[in-house]
């Protein structure tokens, strides 16, 4: 699997964009409103790195998928996303290796409705799988 991006929780997209801009990142997407998950998303790439992408994720409502995480972690790196050709077989393989599926595959507006899933272990924290096909 190849790393696609790093997910970063934020309470305020504008302030976080401003701070990461000072570190050499530039915005590479419009604000994406994912009403299914209750989040707003912006992607940023670093000027000196090929493929070093951040996904800034801000809760947009009280029942957001990330609301409980942000109450614990505040603004923080919280997942690594990996590309996979076959999300179902990759989940099965990772489950056999001790990863727990915390969100089954479902379409994500931020990725043109390609399926994403989230898994967890206490050693790696949260990972996201993004189906590449």
Protein backbone atom coordinates (compact mmCIF):
# COMPACT_ATOMS: atom_id res chain seq x y z
CA UNK A 1 0.00 0.00 0.00
CA UNK A 2 1.12 3.54 -0.71
CA UNK A 3 0.56 6.48 1.66
CA UNK A 4 -1.98 8.89 0.18
CA UNK A 5 -2.26 11.55 2.90
CA UNK A 6 -2.12 12.35 6.60
CA UNK A 7 -5.36 13.37 8.33
CA UNK A 8 -5.22 16.34 10.69
CA UNK A 9 -8.09 17.29 13.01
CA UNK A 10 -8.81 20.97 13.47
CA UNK A 11 -11.35 23.11 15.28
CA UNK A 12 -10.87 25.93 12.75
CA UNK A 13 -9.94 25.36 9.09
CA UNK A 14 -9.01 28.99 8.39
CA UNK A 15 -6.59 29.29 11.32
CA UNK A 16 -5.05 25.89 10.61
CA UNK A 17 -4.61 26.68 6.91
CA UNK A 18 -2.89 29.93 7.90
CA UNK A 19 -0.46 28.17 10.26
CA UNK A 20 0.40 25.34 7.84
CA UNK A 21 0.90 27.96 5.07
CA UNK A 22 3.64 29.48 7.22
CA UNK A 23 5.30 26.02 7.23
CA UNK A 24 5.39 25.80 3.43
CA UNK A 25 2.04 24.13 2.69
CA UNK A 26 -0.37 25.38 0.03
CA UNK A 27 -4.09 24.70 -0.33
CA UNK A 28 -4.81 22.30 -3.21
CA UNK A 29 -8.60 21.94 -2.95
CA UNK A 30 -11.73 23.90 -2.28
CA UNK A 31 -13.46 23.33 1.04
CA UNK A 32 -15.30 20.03 0.71
CA UNK A 33 -18.46 19.71 2.78
CA UNK A 34 -19.02 16.05 3.62
CA UNK A 35 -22.53 16.09 5.03
CA UNK A 36 -22.57 12.29 5.43
CA UNK A 37 -19.73 12.46 7.97
CA UNK A 38 -20.44 15.96 9.29
CA UNK A 39 -17.04 17.40 8.38
CA UNK A 40 -15.43 20.08 6.25
CA UNK A 41 -12.21 19.06 4.49
CA UNK A 42 -9.34 20.90 2.80
CA UNK A 43 -6.25 19.35 1.24
CA UNK A 44 -2.79 20.94 1.43
CA UNK A 45 0.53 19.90 -0.12
CA UNK A 46 3.99 20.92 1.02
CA UNK A 47 6.00 22.99 -1.45
CA UNK A 48 9.15 20.85 -1.05
CA UNK A 49 7.67 17.37 -1.03
CA UNK A 50 6.16 15.17 -3.69
CA UNK A 51 3.01 13.52 -2.42
CA UNK A 52 3.20 14.94 1.11
CA UNK A 53 -0.48 15.76 1.49
CA UNK A 54 -2.42 16.86 4.56
CA UNK A 55 -6.18 16.45 4.84
CA UNK A 56 -7.48 19.05 7.29
CA UNK A 57 -10.72 17.82 8.86
CA UNK A 58 -13.04 20.12 10.80
CA UNK A 59 -16.31 18.98 12.42
CA UNK A 60 -19.27 20.82 10.92
CA UNK A 61 -21.94 19.73 13.38
CA UNK A 62 -22.34 18.25 16.86
CA UNK A 63 -22.89 14.68 15.63
CA UNK A 64 -19.83 14.73 13.36
CA UNK A 65 -17.90 11.48 12.90
CA UNK A 66 -14.83 13.21 14.43
CA UNK A 67 -16.50 15.14 17.25
CA UNK A 68 -15.47 12.71 20.01
CA UNK A 69 -11.91 12.53 18.64
CA UNK A 70 -11.47 16.27 18.53
CA UNK A 71 -12.78 16.63 22.09
CA UNK A 72 -9.93 14.33 23.19
CA UNK A 73 -7.14 15.21 20.75
CA UNK A 74 -7.92 18.85 19.87
CA UNK A 75 -6.00 19.89 16.73
CA UNK A 76 -3.77 16.94 15.98
CA UNK A 77 -2.58 14.40 13.43
CA UNK A 78 -5.01 11.50 13.71
CA UNK A 79 -4.77 9.12 10.75
CA UNK A 80 -2.63 7.93 7.87
CA UNK A 81 -4.44 7.08 4.64
CA UNK A 82 -3.24 4.26 2.38
CA UNK A 83 -4.28 3.53 -1.20
CA UNK A 84 -5.45 0.00 -1.96
CA UNK A 85 -6.65 -1.68 -5.14
CA UNK A 86 -9.10 -3.94 -3.30
CA UNK A 87 -10.45 -2.43 -0.10
CA UNK A 88 -12.42 -5.51 0.98
CA UNK A 89 -9.50 -7.94 0.70
CA UNK A 90 -7.16 -5.42 2.37
CA UNK A 91 -9.57 -5.06 5.30
CA UNK A 92 -9.81 -8.83 5.62
CA UNK A 93 -6.02 -9.14 5.60
CA UNK A 94 -5.56 -6.38 8.18
CA UNK A 95 -8.32 -7.80 10.40
CA UNK A 96 -6.36 -11.09 10.48
CA UNK A 97 -3.33 -9.03 11.59
CA UNK A 98 -5.22 -7.54 14.55
CA UNK A 99 -6.63 -4.35 13.04
CA UNK A 100 -10.20 -3.54 14.08
CA UNK A 101 -12.55 -2.09 11.49
CA UNK A 102 -14.13 1.01 13.03
CA UNK A 103 -15.93 2.18 9.89
CA UNK A 104 -16.91 -0.13 7.05
CA UNK A 105 -16.24 0.98 3.46
CA UNK A 106 -18.50 3.70 2.18
CA UNK A 107 -18.23 6.39 -0.49
CA UNK A 108 -16.41 9.61 0.39
CA UNK A 109 -17.27 12.84 -1.39
CA UNK A 110 -13.69 14.11 -0.90
CA UNK A 111 -12.45 11.28 -3.15
CA UNK A 112 -15.08 11.36 -5.91
CA UNK A 113 -17.20 8.82 -4.03
CA UNK A 114 -14.49 6.16 -3.93
CA UNK A 115 -14.85 3.87 -0.92
CA UNK A 116 -12.94 4.57 2.27
CA UNK A 117 -12.77 2.56 5.49
CA UNK A 118 -11.16 3.20 8.85
CA UNK A 119 -9.29 0.67 10.99
CA UNK A 120 -7.50 0.86 14.33
CA UNK A 121 -4.88 -0.77 16.50
CA UNK A 122 -3.46 0.67 19.69
CA UNK A 123 0.01 0.49 18.13
CA UNK A 124 -0.80 2.41 14.92
CA UNK A 125 -3.83 4.43 15.89
CA UNK A 126 -6.36 5.08 13.14
CA UNK A 127 -5.62 4.27 9.52
CA UNK A 128 -7.80 5.00 6.52
CA UNK A 129 -7.97 2.84 3.42
CA UNK A 130 -8.85 4.54 0.13
CA UNK A 131 -9.86 2.34 -2.76
CA UNK A 132 -7.87 3.42 -5.80
CA UNK A 133 -9.99 1.85 -8.54
